[in-house]
Amino acid sequence: MSKTVVERAADQIADSADQAKRATSAVADAIGSGVGAVRRATRQGGDAAEEFLDDTAHRMQRHLLLTLATTFAVGVATGALIGWASQRR
């Protein structure tokens, strides 16, 4: 016996719902993968920044006189630049 129009429509609706469920599941999996990648990248970036700061602190401690001289030179240059810029106005 052939199916009625209502039975065919019900089958079509069930198939469409199943396809929508699979598509939604795929999107959710993709979002979950993206969130995981962002978390990993954030963790790696934080670790790299922490390592950079530690290396910088150690380098400054090892080369204390150079650090002081450089800081003094940058301060004098900045002061001279600010004084020069304020006199031009």
C-alpha atoms as a PDB file:
ATOM      1  CA  MET A   1       0.000   0.000   0.000  1.00  0.00           C
ATOM      2  CA  SER A   2       1.225   3.472  -0.780  1.00  0.00           C
ATOM      3  CA  LYS A   3       1.765   5.981   1.997  1.00  0.00           C
ATOM      4  CA  THR A   4      -0.670   8.758   2.539  1.00  0.00           C
ATOM      5  CA  VAL A   5       0.311  12.382   2.156  1.00  0.00           C
ATOM      6  CA  VAL A   6       0.299  12.809   5.927  1.00  0.00           C
ATOM      7  CA  GLU A   7       2.657   9.849   6.439  1.00  0.00           C
ATOM      8  CA  ARG A   8       5.041  11.142   3.771  1.00  0.00           C
ATOM      9  CA  ALA A   9       4.977  14.616   5.332  1.00  0.00           C
ATOM     10  CA  ALA A  10       5.685  13.108   8.764  1.00  0.00           C
ATOM     11  CA  ASP A  11       8.636  11.149   7.345  1.00  0.00           C
ATOM     12  CA  GLN A  12       9.969  14.282   5.645  1.00  0.00           C
ATOM     13  CA  ILE A  13       9.657  16.282   8.888  1.00  0.00           C
ATOM     14  CA  ALA A  14      11.461  13.540  10.826  1.00  0.00           C
ATOM     15  CA  ASP A  15      14.287  13.498   8.254  1.00  0.00           C
ATOM     16  CA  SER A  16      14.567  17.291   8.374  1.00  0.00           C
ATOM     17  CA  ALA A  17      14.666  17.255  12.169  1.00  0.00           C
ATOM     18  CA  ASP A  18      17.405  14.611  12.103  1.00  0.00           C
ATOM     19  CA  GLN A  19      19.463  16.683   9.638  1.00  0.00           C
ATOM     20  CA  ALA A  20      19.002  19.792  11.786  1.00  0.00           C
ATOM     21  CA  LYS A  21      20.119  17.836  14.857  1.00  0.00           C
ATOM     22  CA  ARG A  22      23.279  16.635  13.085  1.00  0.00           C
ATOM     23  CA  ALA A  23      24.063  20.132  11.807  1.00  0.00           C
ATOM     24  CA  THR A  24      23.573  21.625  15.273  1.00  0.00           C
ATOM     25  CA  SER A  25      25.823  18.965  16.774  1.00  0.00           C
ATOM     26  CA  ALA A  26      28.534  19.714  14.200  1.00  0.00           C
ATOM     27  CA  VAL A  27      28.331  23.452  14.939  1.00  0.00           C
ATOM     28  CA  ALA A  28      28.533  22.782  18.683  1.00  0.00           C
ATOM     29  CA  ASP A  29      31.599  20.575  18.162  1.00  0.00           C
ATOM     30  CA  ALA A  30      33.252  23.274  16.050  1.00  0.00           C
ATOM     31  CA  ILE A  31      32.564  25.918  18.716  1.00  0.00           C
ATOM     32  CA  GLY A  32      33.931  23.615  21.400  1.00  0.00           C
ATOM     33  CA  SER A  33      37.110  23.070  19.393  1.00  0.00           C
ATOM     34  CA  GLY A  34      37.470  26.815  18.909  1.00  0.00           C
ATOM     35  CA  VAL A  35      37.071  27.493  22.618  1.00  0.00           C
ATOM     36  CA  GLY A  36      39.713  24.887  23.380  1.00  0.00           C
ATOM     37  CA  ALA A  37      42.102  26.474  20.883  1.00  0.00           C
ATOM     38  CA  VAL A  38      41.550  29.918  22.392  1.00  0.00           C
ATOM     39  CA  ARG A  39      42.215  28.581  25.889  1.00  0.00           C
ATOM     40  CA  ARG A  40      45.439  26.912  24.764  1.00  0.00           C
ATOM     41  CA  ALA A  41      46.608  30.045  22.952  1.00  0.00           C
ATOM     42  CA  THR A  42      45.817  32.196  25.981  1.00  0.00           C
ATOM     43  CA  ARG A  43      47.710  29.867  28.290  1.00  0.00           C
ATOM     44  CA  GLN A  44      50.716  29.763  25.950  1.00  0.00           C
ATOM     45  CA  GLY A  45      50.683  33.548  25.586  1.00  0.00           C
ATOM     46  CA  GLY A  46      50.595  34.009  29.349  1.00  0.00           C
ATOM     47  CA  ASP A  47      53.449  31.564  29.806  1.00  0.00           C
ATOM     48  CA  ALA A  48      55.510  33.342  27.144  1.00  0.00           C
ATOM     49  CA  ALA A  49      54.878  36.753  28.750  1.00  0.00           C
ATOM     50  CA  GLU A  50      55.841  35.439  32.180  1.00  0.00           C
ATOM     51  CA  GLU A  51      59.033  33.897  30.800  1.00  0.00           C
ATOM     52  CA  PHE A  52      59.887  37.168  29.013  1.00  0.00           C
ATOM     53  CA  LEU A  53      59.443  39.169  32.218  1.00  0.00           C
ATOM     54  CA  ASP A  54      61.552  36.708  34.200  1.00  0.00           C
ATOM     55  CA  ASP A  55      64.328  36.812  31.588  1.00  0.00           C
ATOM     56  CA  THR A  56      64.227  40.597  31.553  1.00  0.00           C
ATOM     57  CA  ALA A  57      64.441  40.805  35.335  1.00  0.00           C
ATOM     58  CA  HIS A  58      67.415  38.426  35.407  1.00  0.00           C
ATOM     59  CA  ARG A  59      69.161  40.319  32.621  1.00  0.00           C
ATOM     60  CA  MET A  60      68.655  43.632  34.451  1.00  0.00           C
ATOM     61  CA  GLN A  61      70.080  42.143  37.646  1.00  0.00           C
ATOM     62  CA  ARG A  62      73.138  40.744  35.826  1.00  0.00           C
ATOM     63  CA  HIS A  63      73.881  44.034  34.039  1.00  0.00           C
ATOM     64  CA  LEU A  64      72.987  46.501  36.786  1.00  0.00           C
ATOM     65  CA  LEU A  65      75.372  49.311  35.764  1.00  0.00           C
ATOM     66  CA  LEU A  66      74.274  49.154  32.135  1.00  0.00           C
ATOM     67  CA  THR A  67      70.642  49.223  33.247  1.00  0.00           C
ATOM     68  CA  LEU A  68      71.224  52.281  35.416  1.00  0.00           C
ATOM     69  CA  ALA A  69      73.160  54.108  32.706  1.00  0.00           C
ATOM     70  CA  THR A  70      70.516  53.346  30.080  1.00  0.00           C
ATOM     71  CA  THR A  71      67.715  54.474  32.390  1.00  0.00           C
ATOM     72  CA  PHE A  72      69.555  57.722  33.141  1.00  0.00           C
ATOM     73  CA  ALA A  73      70.204  58.362  29.435  1.00  0.00           C
ATOM     74  CA  VAL A  74      66.573  57.728  28.497  1.00  0.00           C
ATOM     75  CA  GLY A  75      65.422  60.055  31.293  1.00  0.00           C
ATOM     76  CA  VAL A  76      67.754  62.856  30.197  1.00  0.00           C
ATOM     77  CA  ALA A  77      66.748  62.444  26.551  1.00  0.00           C
ATOM     78  CA  THR A  78      63.047  62.450  27.439  1.00  0.00           C
ATOM     79  CA  GLY A  79      63.461  65.550  29.597  1.00  0.00           C
ATOM     80  CA  ALA A  80      65.355  67.341  26.844  1.00  0.00           C
ATOM     81  CA  LEU A  81      62.709  66.406  24.291  1.00  0.00           C
ATOM     82  CA  ILE A  82      59.880  67.618  26.530  1.00  0.00           C
ATOM     83  CA  GLY A  83      61.752  70.882  27.250  1.00  0.00           C
ATOM     84  CA  TRP A  84      62.445  71.425  23.559  1.00  0.00           C
ATOM     85  CA  ALA A  85      58.812  70.706  22.615  1.00  0.00           C
ATOM     86  CA  SER A  86      57.435  73.068  25.273  1.00  0.00           C
ATOM     87  CA  GLN A  87      59.737  75.938  24.160  1.00  0.00           C
ATOM     88  CA  ARG A  88      58.624  75.648  20.540  1.00  0.00           C
ATOM     89  CA  ARG A  89      55.024  76.483  21.455  1.00  0.00           C
END
